[in-house]
N, C-alpha and C. Protein backbone atom coordinates (compact mmCIF):
# COMPACT_ATOMS: atom_id res chain seq x y z
N MET A 1 18.93 -36.51 22.14
CA MET A 1 18.56 -35.79 22.92
C MET A 1 17.71 -34.96 21.83
N LYS A 2 18.18 -34.44 20.82
CA LYS A 2 16.91 -33.82 20.48
C LYS A 2 15.77 -34.76 19.83
N ASN A 3 16.02 -36.26 19.95
CA ASN A 3 15.09 -36.74 19.33
C ASN A 3 14.18 -36.84 20.11
N GLN A 4 14.63 -36.92 21.53
CA GLN A 4 13.85 -36.94 22.87
C GLN A 4 12.73 -35.74 22.74
N ILE A 5 13.55 -34.99 22.51
CA ILE A 5 12.61 -33.32 22.61
C ILE A 5 11.56 -33.39 21.62
N GLN A 6 12.06 -33.93 20.34
CA GLN A 6 10.63 -34.09 19.44
C GLN A 6 10.20 -34.75 19.47
N GLU A 7 10.11 -35.85 20.08
CA GLU A 7 9.02 -37.31 20.68
C GLU A 7 8.43 -36.32 21.77
N LYS A 8 8.75 -35.33 22.31
CA LYS A 8 8.18 -35.75 23.76
C LYS A 8 6.72 -34.12 22.88
N SER A 9 7.26 -33.59 21.90
CA SER A 9 6.67 -32.53 21.49
C SER A 9 5.23 -33.06 20.51
N GLU A 10 5.34 -34.16 20.05
CA GLU A 10 4.88 -34.91 18.80
C GLU A 10 3.91 -35.67 20.05
N LYS A 11 4.45 -36.21 21.47
CA LYS A 11 3.48 -36.65 22.13
C LYS A 11 2.19 -35.21 22.65
N LYS A 12 2.91 -34.20 23.47
CA LYS A 12 2.59 -33.33 23.97
C LYS A 12 1.04 -32.97 22.95
N TRP A 13 1.61 -33.06 21.33
CA TRP A 13 0.58 -32.57 20.35
C TRP A 13 0.25 -33.63 19.35
N LYS A 14 -1.21 -33.95 19.83
CA LYS A 14 -1.55 -35.45 19.05
C LYS A 14 -2.80 -35.19 17.88
N GLY A 15 -2.75 -34.23 17.68
CA GLY A 15 -3.53 -33.28 16.16
C GLY A 15 -2.41 -33.99 15.26
N GLY A 16 -2.73 -33.88 13.69
CA GLY A 16 -2.40 -33.89 12.94
C GLY A 16 -2.14 -32.84 11.91
N LEU A 17 -1.77 -32.78 10.86
CA LEU A 17 -1.58 -31.23 10.15
C LEU A 17 -3.04 -30.93 9.76
N LEU A 18 -3.82 -32.21 8.96
CA LEU A 18 -5.32 -31.63 8.87
C LEU A 18 -6.12 -30.97 10.28
N GLU A 19 -5.79 -31.17 11.60
CA GLU A 19 -6.47 -30.50 12.52
C GLU A 19 -5.96 -29.35 12.24
N LEU A 20 -4.35 -28.99 12.42
CA LEU A 20 -3.92 -27.49 12.07
C LEU A 20 -4.65 -26.78 11.03
N PHE A 21 -4.37 -27.31 9.61
CA PHE A 21 -5.11 -26.87 8.55
C PHE A 21 -6.51 -26.30 8.82
N TRP A 22 -7.30 -27.35 9.35
CA TRP A 22 -8.96 -27.06 10.00
C TRP A 22 -9.24 -25.84 10.62
N SER A 23 -8.58 -25.81 11.82
CA SER A 23 -8.43 -25.10 12.96
C SER A 23 -8.07 -23.78 11.79
N PHE A 24 -7.27 -23.53 11.79
CA PHE A 24 -7.21 -21.90 10.82
C PHE A 24 -7.75 -22.06 9.60
N PHE A 25 -8.46 -22.88 9.47
CA PHE A 25 -9.55 -22.91 7.94
C PHE A 25 -10.84 -22.15 8.50
N LYS A 26 -11.19 -22.83 10.00
CA LYS A 26 -12.05 -21.99 10.95
C LYS A 26 -12.08 -20.79 10.91
N ILE A 27 -10.94 -20.17 11.73
CA ILE A 27 -10.52 -18.75 11.77
C ILE A 27 -11.06 -17.95 10.32
N GLY A 28 -10.10 -18.57 9.70
CA GLY A 28 -10.35 -17.51 8.39
C GLY A 28 -11.74 -17.19 7.95
N LEU A 29 -12.46 -17.99 7.78
CA LEU A 29 -14.03 -18.55 7.38
C LEU A 29 -15.04 -17.62 8.22
N PHE A 30 -14.78 -17.34 9.51
CA PHE A 30 -15.80 -16.76 10.06
C PHE A 30 -15.55 -15.97 10.68
N THR A 31 -14.10 -15.09 10.44
CA THR A 31 -13.61 -13.44 10.45
C THR A 31 -13.57 -12.82 9.95
N PHE A 32 -14.41 -11.46 9.83
CA PHE A 32 -14.42 -10.88 8.77
C PHE A 32 -13.80 -9.40 9.35
N GLY A 33 -13.11 -8.36 8.46
CA GLY A 33 -12.38 -7.36 8.91
C GLY A 33 -10.78 -7.59 9.12
N GLY A 34 -10.46 -8.54 8.54
CA GLY A 34 -8.59 -8.81 8.60
C GLY A 34 -7.82 -9.43 10.04
N GLY A 35 -6.78 -9.16 9.77
CA GLY A 35 -6.17 -9.81 10.54
C GLY A 35 -5.98 -9.81 12.04
N TYR A 36 -6.42 -8.20 12.89
CA TYR A 36 -6.41 -8.13 14.04
C TYR A 36 -7.74 -8.54 14.38
N ALA A 37 -8.78 -8.41 13.57
CA ALA A 37 -9.98 -9.04 14.08
C ALA A 37 -9.94 -10.60 14.19
N MET A 38 -8.47 -11.30 13.76
CA MET A 38 -8.57 -12.77 13.61
C MET A 38 -7.87 -12.71 15.45
N ILE A 39 -7.68 -12.08 15.87
CA ILE A 39 -6.19 -12.59 16.96
C ILE A 39 -7.45 -13.05 17.83
N PRO A 40 -7.97 -12.75 18.35
CA PRO A 40 -8.75 -13.06 19.24
C PRO A 40 -9.17 -14.28 19.09
N LEU A 41 -9.59 -14.89 17.61
CA LEU A 41 -9.97 -16.09 17.55
C LEU A 41 -8.43 -17.56 17.77
N ILE A 42 -7.74 -16.69 17.25
CA ILE A 42 -6.42 -17.69 16.93
C ILE A 42 -5.92 -17.75 18.45
N GLN A 43 -6.05 -16.80 19.40
CA GLN A 43 -5.99 -17.01 21.06
C GLN A 43 -6.61 -18.31 21.60
N LYS A 44 -7.79 -17.73 21.25
CA LYS A 44 -9.03 -18.82 21.60
C LYS A 44 -8.50 -20.27 21.11
N GLU A 45 -8.63 -20.27 19.91
CA GLU A 45 -8.11 -21.68 19.40
C GLU A 45 -6.81 -22.42 19.75
N ALA A 46 -5.80 -21.29 19.60
CA ALA A 46 -4.16 -21.91 19.60
C ALA A 46 -3.98 -22.51 20.46
N VAL A 47 -4.29 -21.32 22.05
CA VAL A 47 -4.17 -21.09 23.49
C VAL A 47 -5.33 -21.77 24.15
N GLU A 48 -6.46 -21.66 24.13
CA GLU A 48 -7.21 -21.78 25.09
C GLU A 48 -7.61 -23.68 24.78
N SER A 49 -8.44 -23.72 23.37
CA SER A 49 -8.96 -24.84 23.04
C SER A 49 -7.97 -26.05 22.77
N LYS A 50 -6.91 -25.67 22.07
CA LYS A 50 -5.75 -26.78 21.81
C LYS A 50 -4.39 -26.68 22.39
N LYS A 51 -4.36 -25.36 23.39
CA LYS A 51 -3.48 -25.38 24.21
C LYS A 51 -1.69 -25.66 23.37
N TRP A 52 -1.94 -25.26 21.90
CA TRP A 52 -0.89 -25.73 21.14
C TRP A 52 0.62 -24.55 21.59
N ILE A 53 0.01 -23.44 22.37
CA ILE A 53 1.23 -22.29 22.43
C ILE A 53 0.52 -21.98 23.92
N SER A 54 1.27 -20.72 24.51
CA SER A 54 0.94 -20.39 25.31
C SER A 54 0.27 -18.88 25.35
N ASP A 55 -0.11 -17.96 26.32
CA ASP A 55 -0.43 -16.64 26.21
C ASP A 55 1.10 -16.08 25.95
N ASP A 56 1.86 -16.35 26.46
CA ASP A 56 3.31 -15.43 26.12
C ASP A 56 3.80 -15.66 24.75
N ASP A 57 3.12 -16.85 24.45
CA ASP A 57 3.80 -16.85 23.05
C ASP A 57 2.87 -16.30 21.50
N ILE A 58 1.25 -16.26 22.06
CA ILE A 58 0.71 -15.48 21.28
C ILE A 58 0.90 -13.91 21.46
N LEU A 59 1.73 -13.25 22.69
CA LEU A 59 2.01 -11.75 22.27
C LEU A 59 3.51 -11.91 21.33
N GLU A 60 3.75 -13.05 21.62
CA GLU A 60 5.12 -13.05 20.83
C GLU A 60 5.08 -13.18 19.58
N ILE A 61 4.36 -14.01 19.44
CA ILE A 61 4.12 -14.41 17.73
C ILE A 61 3.59 -13.02 17.09
N ILE A 62 2.69 -12.47 17.94
CA ILE A 62 1.78 -11.43 17.23
C ILE A 62 2.89 -9.92 16.91
N ALA A 63 4.03 -9.77 18.13
CA ALA A 63 4.35 -8.66 17.81
C ALA A 63 5.30 -9.08 17.00
N ILE A 64 5.85 -10.16 16.52
CA ILE A 64 6.71 -10.43 14.77
C ILE A 64 5.99 -10.37 13.94
N ALA A 65 4.94 -11.25 13.86
CA ALA A 65 4.04 -10.62 12.61
C ALA A 65 3.58 -9.59 12.35
N GLU A 66 3.52 -8.47 13.65
CA GLU A 66 3.07 -7.25 12.79
C GLU A 66 4.17 -6.61 12.53
N SER A 67 5.76 -7.21 12.78
CA SER A 67 6.76 -6.62 12.50
C SER A 67 7.22 -7.06 11.22
N THR A 68 6.61 -8.09 10.77
CA THR A 68 7.45 -8.56 9.17
C THR A 68 6.28 -8.43 8.34
N PRO A 69 6.78 -8.49 6.85
CA PRO A 69 6.20 -7.96 5.93
C PRO A 69 4.88 -9.13 5.94
N GLY A 70 3.89 -8.81 5.61
CA GLY A 70 2.70 -9.36 4.89
C GLY A 70 1.87 -9.36 6.29
N PRO A 71 0.36 -10.01 5.89
CA PRO A 71 -0.58 -9.66 6.71
C PRO A 71 -0.39 -10.05 7.93
N ILE A 72 -1.20 -9.47 9.02
CA ILE A 72 -1.06 -9.84 10.18
C ILE A 72 -1.23 -11.24 10.42
N ALA A 73 -2.30 -11.68 10.00
CA ALA A 73 -3.32 -13.14 10.23
C ALA A 73 -2.27 -14.22 9.38
N ILE A 74 -1.56 -14.18 8.24
CA ILE A 74 -1.34 -14.89 7.64
C ILE A 74 -0.02 -15.32 8.46
N ASN A 75 1.10 -14.10 8.76
CA ASN A 75 1.80 -14.43 9.48
C ASN A 75 1.70 -15.02 10.66
N SER A 76 0.70 -14.38 11.49
CA SER A 76 0.11 -15.18 12.70
C SER A 76 0.38 -16.96 12.70
N ALA A 77 -0.79 -16.90 11.64
CA ALA A 77 -1.21 -18.86 11.35
C ALA A 77 0.32 -19.28 10.93
N THR A 78 1.28 -18.77 10.50
CA THR A 78 2.50 -19.48 9.78
C THR A 78 3.64 -19.69 11.16
N PHE A 79 3.66 -18.77 11.76
CA PHE A 79 4.42 -18.68 13.22
C PHE A 79 3.58 -19.58 14.27
N VAL A 80 2.30 -19.75 14.15
CA VAL A 80 1.71 -20.78 15.07
C VAL A 80 2.26 -22.11 14.70
N GLY A 81 1.98 -22.38 13.09
CA GLY A 81 1.98 -23.61 12.54
C GLY A 81 3.42 -24.03 12.60
N TYR A 82 4.20 -23.12 12.50
CA TYR A 82 6.06 -23.91 12.97
C TYR A 82 6.01 -23.79 13.80
N ARG A 83 5.54 -23.68 15.14
CA ARG A 83 5.98 -23.55 16.63
C ARG A 83 5.08 -25.10 16.58
N VAL A 84 4.42 -25.24 16.22
CA VAL A 84 3.47 -26.69 16.21
C VAL A 84 3.92 -27.68 16.10
N ARG A 85 4.35 -27.65 14.28
CA ARG A 85 4.85 -28.62 13.63
C ARG A 85 5.96 -28.37 12.50
N GLY A 86 6.47 -27.44 12.69
CA GLY A 86 7.67 -27.04 11.96
C GLY A 86 7.20 -26.87 10.31
N PHE A 87 7.69 -26.66 9.55
CA PHE A 87 7.80 -26.76 8.12
C PHE A 87 5.95 -26.41 7.70
N TRP A 88 5.74 -28.43 7.76
CA TRP A 88 4.63 -28.23 7.53
C TRP A 88 3.66 -28.19 8.03
N GLY A 89 3.74 -27.74 9.47
CA GLY A 89 2.65 -27.12 10.12
C GLY A 89 2.48 -25.39 9.56
N SER A 90 3.63 -25.04 9.46
CA SER A 90 3.31 -23.48 8.92
C SER A 90 2.46 -23.71 7.88
N PHE A 91 2.91 -24.23 6.77
CA PHE A 91 2.22 -24.49 5.35
C PHE A 91 0.65 -24.78 5.79
N PHE A 92 0.37 -25.68 6.65
CA PHE A 92 -0.97 -25.94 6.31
C PHE A 92 -1.61 -24.96 7.16
N ALA A 93 -1.37 -24.70 8.22
CA ALA A 93 -1.75 -23.01 9.02
C ALA A 93 -1.79 -22.11 8.31
N THR A 94 -1.48 -22.09 7.32
CA THR A 94 -1.17 -20.25 6.47
C THR A 94 -2.38 -20.47 5.53
N LEU A 95 -2.12 -22.28 4.88
CA LEU A 95 -3.14 -22.66 3.70
C LEU A 95 -4.56 -22.66 4.19
N GLY A 96 -4.81 -22.67 5.27
CA GLY A 96 -5.83 -22.72 5.90
C GLY A 96 -6.66 -21.59 6.16
N VAL A 97 -5.75 -20.53 6.79
CA VAL A 97 -6.32 -19.31 7.25
C VAL A 97 -6.76 -18.38 5.62
N VAL A 98 -5.91 -18.83 4.63
CA VAL A 98 -6.36 -18.07 3.75
C VAL A 98 -7.47 -18.71 2.61
N MET A 99 -7.38 -19.82 2.77
CA MET A 99 -8.06 -20.43 1.91
C MET A 99 -9.68 -19.82 1.70
N PRO A 100 -10.53 -19.75 2.94
CA PRO A 100 -11.60 -19.23 3.06
C PRO A 100 -11.68 -17.57 2.35
N SER A 101 -10.54 -17.18 2.18
CA SER A 101 -10.92 -15.70 1.97
C SER A 101 -10.71 -15.81 0.23
N PHE A 102 -9.69 -16.81 -0.35
CA PHE A 102 -9.37 -17.36 -1.46
C PHE A 102 -10.79 -17.40 -2.32
N LEU A 103 -11.87 -18.61 -1.78
CA LEU A 103 -12.41 -19.13 -1.91
C LEU A 103 -13.84 -18.31 -2.08
N ILE A 104 -13.53 -17.36 -1.23
CA ILE A 104 -15.21 -16.27 -1.00
C ILE A 104 -15.15 -15.19 -2.08
N ILE A 105 -14.02 -14.72 -2.40
CA ILE A 105 -13.24 -13.59 -3.34
C ILE A 105 -13.87 -14.31 -4.62
N LEU A 106 -13.15 -15.19 -4.73
CA LEU A 106 -13.23 -15.87 -6.40
C LEU A 106 -14.66 -16.19 -6.36
N THR A 107 -15.90 -16.62 -5.53
CA THR A 107 -16.81 -16.86 -5.32
C THR A 107 -18.08 -15.16 -6.41
N ILE A 108 -17.42 -14.24 -5.32
CA ILE A 108 -17.84 -12.99 -5.91
C ILE A 108 -16.95 -12.34 -6.66
N ALA A 109 -16.27 -12.80 -7.20
CA ALA A 109 -16.02 -11.93 -8.31
C ALA A 109 -16.59 -12.64 -9.64
N PHE A 110 -17.21 -13.73 -9.37
CA PHE A 110 -18.24 -14.23 -10.56
C PHE A 110 -19.76 -13.36 -10.42
N VAL A 111 -20.36 -13.12 -9.35
CA VAL A 111 -21.60 -12.24 -9.29
C VAL A 111 -21.65 -11.17 -8.73
N LEU A 112 -19.96 -10.53 -9.02
CA LEU A 112 -19.95 -9.29 -8.44
C LEU A 112 -20.73 -7.91 -8.71
N LYS A 113 -21.10 -7.73 -9.79
CA LYS A 113 -22.71 -7.01 -10.05
C LYS A 113 -23.52 -7.22 -9.71
N GLU A 114 -24.45 -8.16 -9.06
CA GLU A 114 -25.90 -8.41 -8.83
C GLU A 114 -25.54 -8.59 -7.54
N PHE A 115 -24.27 -9.03 -7.22
CA PHE A 115 -24.12 -8.91 -5.21
C PHE A 115 -24.13 -7.77 -4.46
N GLN A 116 -23.26 -6.63 -5.50
CA GLN A 116 -23.19 -5.25 -4.75
C GLN A 116 -24.84 -4.51 -5.23
N SER A 117 -25.56 -4.76 -5.63
CA SER A 117 -26.81 -4.24 -5.71
C SER A 117 -27.85 -4.78 -4.62
N ILE A 118 -27.64 -5.76 -4.31
CA ILE A 118 -28.45 -6.34 -3.16
C ILE A 118 -28.35 -5.85 -2.05
N ALA A 119 -29.49 -5.23 -1.73
CA ALA A 119 -30.22 -4.39 -0.28
C ALA A 119 -29.28 -5.35 1.08
N VAL A 120 -30.31 -6.47 1.09
CA VAL A 120 -29.70 -7.20 2.55
C VAL A 120 -28.54 -7.44 2.28
N VAL A 121 -27.66 -7.58 1.22
CA VAL A 121 -25.76 -7.52 1.81
C VAL A 121 -25.20 -6.55 2.26
N LYS A 122 -25.82 -5.42 1.89
CA LYS A 122 -24.98 -4.22 2.21
C LYS A 122 -25.52 -3.83 4.11
N TYR A 123 -26.66 -4.37 4.11
CA TYR A 123 -27.13 -3.95 5.66
C TYR A 123 -26.05 -5.03 6.06
N ALA A 124 -25.89 -6.12 5.75
CA ALA A 124 -25.15 -7.65 6.35
C ALA A 124 -24.04 -6.75 6.63
N PHE A 125 -23.65 -6.13 5.67
CA PHE A 125 -21.65 -5.60 5.66
C PHE A 125 -21.81 -4.87 7.02
N TRP A 126 -23.16 -3.53 6.80
CA TRP A 126 -22.41 -2.87 8.05
C TRP A 126 -22.83 -3.37 9.35
N GLY A 127 -23.78 -4.37 9.52
CA GLY A 127 -23.32 -4.87 10.54
C GLY A 127 -22.22 -5.69 10.84
N ILE A 128 -21.52 -6.36 9.57
CA ILE A 128 -19.96 -7.13 10.07
C ILE A 128 -19.35 -5.71 10.34
N ARG A 129 -19.69 -4.58 9.91
CA ARG A 129 -18.40 -4.02 10.45
C ARG A 129 -18.60 -3.64 11.52
N ALA A 130 -19.43 -3.36 12.34
CA ALA A 130 -19.63 -3.27 13.83
C ALA A 130 -18.85 -3.82 14.62
N GLY A 131 -19.37 -5.60 14.21
CA GLY A 131 -19.01 -6.73 14.86
C GLY A 131 -17.13 -6.82 15.05
N VAL A 132 -16.87 -6.33 13.78
CA VAL A 132 -15.39 -6.40 13.36
C VAL A 132 -14.39 -5.55 14.36
N LEU A 133 -15.24 -4.27 14.19
CA LEU A 133 -14.68 -2.92 15.33
C LEU A 133 -14.82 -3.65 17.00
N ALA A 134 -15.68 -4.57 17.61
CA ALA A 134 -15.93 -5.19 18.75
C ALA A 134 -14.55 -5.83 18.95
N LEU A 135 -14.37 -7.25 17.71
CA LEU A 135 -13.23 -8.03 17.53
C LEU A 135 -11.89 -7.31 17.72
N ILE A 136 -12.00 -6.40 16.91
CA ILE A 136 -10.23 -5.31 17.32
C ILE A 136 -10.22 -4.57 18.90
N PHE A 137 -10.87 -4.28 19.00
CA PHE A 137 -11.43 -3.85 20.60
C PHE A 137 -10.95 -4.74 21.82
N LYS A 138 -11.55 -6.13 21.19
CA LYS A 138 -10.95 -7.58 22.14
C LYS A 138 -9.56 -7.81 21.95
N ALA A 139 -9.05 -7.67 20.73
CA ALA A 139 -8.28 -7.74 20.47
C ALA A 139 -7.10 -6.72 21.31
N VAL A 140 -7.39 -5.76 21.20
CA VAL A 140 -6.23 -4.54 22.09
C VAL A 140 -6.54 -4.74 23.62
N VAL A 141 -7.94 -5.06 24.20
CA VAL A 141 -7.76 -5.23 25.45
C VAL A 141 -6.97 -6.46 26.01
N ASN A 142 -7.15 -7.55 25.00
CA ASN A 142 -6.63 -8.77 25.67
C ASN A 142 -5.22 -8.68 25.67
N MET A 143 -4.56 -8.16 24.67
CA MET A 143 -2.76 -8.07 24.30
C MET A 143 -2.56 -6.92 25.50
N TYR A 144 -3.42 -5.84 26.00
CA TYR A 144 -3.13 -5.03 27.16
C TYR A 144 -3.22 -5.61 28.31
N LYS A 145 -4.22 -6.40 28.79
CA LYS A 145 -3.95 -7.28 29.49
C LYS A 145 -2.76 -8.17 29.55
N LYS A 146 -2.40 -8.76 28.92
CA LYS A 146 -1.17 -9.72 28.95
C LYS A 146 0.26 -8.84 28.72
N SER A 147 0.28 -7.71 28.35
CA SER A 147 1.83 -7.34 28.10
C SER A 147 2.27 -6.86 29.58
N LYS A 148 3.32 -6.50 29.62
CA LYS A 148 4.23 -5.70 31.09
C LYS A 148 3.89 -4.28 30.47
N LYS A 149 3.20 -4.03 32.38
CA LYS A 149 3.22 -2.31 32.34
C LYS A 149 4.51 -1.56 32.76
N ASN A 150 4.67 -0.14 32.50
CA ASN A 150 5.21 0.55 33.20
C ASN A 150 4.97 1.44 32.42
N LEU A 151 5.45 2.38 32.97
CA LEU A 151 5.61 4.06 32.63
C LEU A 151 5.81 4.27 30.95
N PHE A 152 7.07 3.26 30.71
CA PHE A 152 7.52 3.64 29.56
C PHE A 152 7.03 3.11 28.59
N SER A 153 6.77 2.00 28.88
CA SER A 153 5.21 1.44 27.60
C SER A 153 4.23 1.73 27.56
N HIS A 154 3.37 2.66 28.58
CA HIS A 154 2.87 3.49 28.36
C HIS A 154 2.68 4.58 27.70
N ILE A 155 3.97 5.37 27.69
CA ILE A 155 4.18 6.05 26.97
C ILE A 155 4.60 5.76 25.28
N VAL A 156 4.86 4.92 25.14
CA VAL A 156 5.51 4.45 23.79
C VAL A 156 4.32 4.22 23.37
N MET A 157 3.24 3.36 24.38
CA MET A 157 1.91 3.02 23.65
C MET A 157 1.30 4.13 22.80
N PHE A 158 0.89 5.30 24.08
CA PHE A 158 0.20 6.23 23.76
C PHE A 158 0.78 7.18 22.75
N SER A 159 2.10 7.28 22.48
CA SER A 159 3.04 8.03 21.48
C SER A 159 2.50 7.58 20.04
N ALA A 160 2.95 5.91 19.92
CA ALA A 160 2.43 5.55 18.94
C ALA A 160 1.21 5.68 18.22
N PHE A 161 0.01 5.65 19.10
CA PHE A 161 -1.12 5.64 18.77
C PHE A 161 -1.45 7.37 18.12
N PHE A 162 -0.57 8.35 18.96
CA PHE A 162 -1.35 9.45 18.66
C PHE A 162 -0.62 9.58 17.21
N ILE A 163 1.14 9.34 17.15
CA ILE A 163 1.67 9.93 15.74
C ILE A 163 0.75 9.29 14.48
N VAL A 164 0.56 8.01 14.98
CA VAL A 164 -0.79 7.24 13.72
C VAL A 164 -1.57 8.05 13.54
N ALA A 165 -2.54 8.06 14.35
CA ALA A 165 -3.88 8.83 14.30
C ALA A 165 -4.00 10.20 14.07
N PHE A 166 -3.02 10.99 14.42
CA PHE A 166 -3.36 12.45 13.96
C PHE A 166 -2.31 13.00 12.78
N PHE A 167 -1.27 12.16 13.15
CA PHE A 167 -0.06 12.55 11.83
C PHE A 167 0.06 12.08 10.65
N ASN A 168 -0.90 10.82 10.71
CA ASN A 168 -0.89 10.19 9.55
C ASN A 168 0.78 9.37 8.98
N VAL A 169 1.06 9.05 9.75
CA VAL A 169 2.81 8.72 9.75
C VAL A 169 2.81 7.23 9.12
N ASN A 170 3.29 6.66 8.55
CA ASN A 170 3.64 5.58 7.76
C ASN A 170 4.03 4.31 9.13
N VAL A 171 3.05 3.21 9.24
CA VAL A 171 2.75 2.36 10.61
C VAL A 171 4.89 1.87 10.25
N ILE A 172 5.53 1.76 9.55
CA ILE A 172 6.44 1.15 9.12
C ILE A 172 7.45 1.94 10.14
N PHE A 173 7.39 3.01 10.08
CA PHE A 173 8.39 4.25 10.83
C PHE A 173 7.72 4.41 12.06
N VAL A 174 6.46 3.74 12.75
CA VAL A 174 6.25 4.01 14.12
C VAL A 174 6.47 2.44 14.82
N ILE A 175 6.90 1.33 13.99
CA ILE A 175 6.81 0.23 14.58
C ILE A 175 8.73 0.27 14.82
N ILE A 176 9.20 0.95 13.85
CA ILE A 176 11.21 0.86 13.89
C ILE A 176 11.51 1.86 14.94
N GLY A 177 10.38 2.89 14.83
CA GLY A 177 10.72 3.84 16.28
C GLY A 177 10.58 3.23 17.72
N CYS A 178 9.61 2.31 17.78
CA CYS A 178 9.19 1.45 18.88
C CYS A 178 10.05 0.46 19.05
N ALA A 179 10.19 -0.20 18.22
CA ALA A 179 11.61 -1.37 19.00
C ALA A 179 13.09 -0.44 18.93
N LEU A 180 13.38 0.70 18.27
CA LEU A 180 14.30 1.39 18.88
C LEU A 180 14.24 1.86 20.08
N ALA A 181 13.15 2.74 20.51
CA ALA A 181 12.91 2.76 21.85
C ALA A 181 12.98 1.93 22.79
N GLY A 182 12.37 0.52 22.93
CA GLY A 182 12.46 -0.47 23.43
C GLY A 182 13.89 -1.08 23.42
N LEU A 183 14.55 -1.07 22.24
CA LEU A 183 15.99 -1.36 22.93
C LEU A 183 16.28 -0.80 23.48
N ILE A 184 16.68 0.75 23.34
CA ILE A 184 17.13 1.89 24.12
C ILE A 184 16.83 1.70 25.75
N SER A 185 16.33 1.23 25.81
CA SER A 185 15.38 1.46 27.30
C SER A 185 15.72 -0.44 27.88
N ALA A 186 16.01 -1.28 26.98
CA ALA A 186 16.46 -2.33 27.70
C ALA A 186 18.35 -2.29 28.10
N LEU A 187 18.56 -1.53 26.86
CA LEU A 187 20.12 -1.38 27.43
C LEU A 187 20.40 -0.07 28.42
N VAL A 188 19.42 0.85 28.81
CA VAL A 188 20.02 1.41 30.01
C VAL A 188 19.81 1.15 31.32
N ALA A 189 18.32 0.00 31.25
CA ALA A 189 18.05 -0.91 32.35
C ALA A 189 19.20 -1.68 32.38
N GLU A 190 19.53 -2.70 31.48
CA GLU A 190 20.98 -3.70 31.72
C GLU A 190 22.07 -2.77 32.47
N ARG A 191 22.36 -1.52 31.85
CA ARG A 191 23.68 -0.81 32.42
C ARG A 191 23.35 -0.10 34.12
N ARG A 192 21.94 0.13 34.33
CA ARG A 192 21.71 0.81 35.39
C ARG A 192 21.84 -0.33 36.47
N ALA A 193 21.67 -1.66 36.23
CA ALA A 193 21.78 -3.33 36.79
C ALA A 193 23.03 -3.67 36.85
N LYS A 194 23.73 -3.26 36.04
CA LYS A 194 25.09 -3.59 36.64
C LYS A 194 25.97 -2.71 37.28
N LYS A 195 25.41 -1.37 37.08
CA LYS A 195 26.05 -0.82 38.15
C LYS A 195 25.70 -1.11 39.73
């Protein structure tokens, strides 16, 4: 039975580990601004283009990646790779998303002094920052559209934003608080359903 499920999943995804590596290499190469800016590209590549995972999967992966230690882009690549091809899938997806940044930083390290003083480079990075803001905003809008909406989720969302933005509370405590709020809400809803 287990072999049949594995065969079906392998037939469903005909690509190899190199394709997985290359997809995440492109995401890592063309994304400035960190993990949140990569989310729309991961969603487009893994869900829309390759159909490796579903929209619901990407929301779960992002929630898990956000709540585990490490950068969200690397965690997301690892989880997508694992979902698609197991251990080696996670290895090659993670390697793919990390490699461009590693190579670019390694190259820049050799010419850092000259690179910083070039006016064109400064202006280019100002433009890139604006583009990164747009990508992050798009990720927020996409996640909002696909998540379940009710009064409780809106209260948690706005409370978390308010606490982080205005009180400078460590994000880890906010994530733990949101998880506890979700857990308590689920337990209360379960008790009400039993009555």
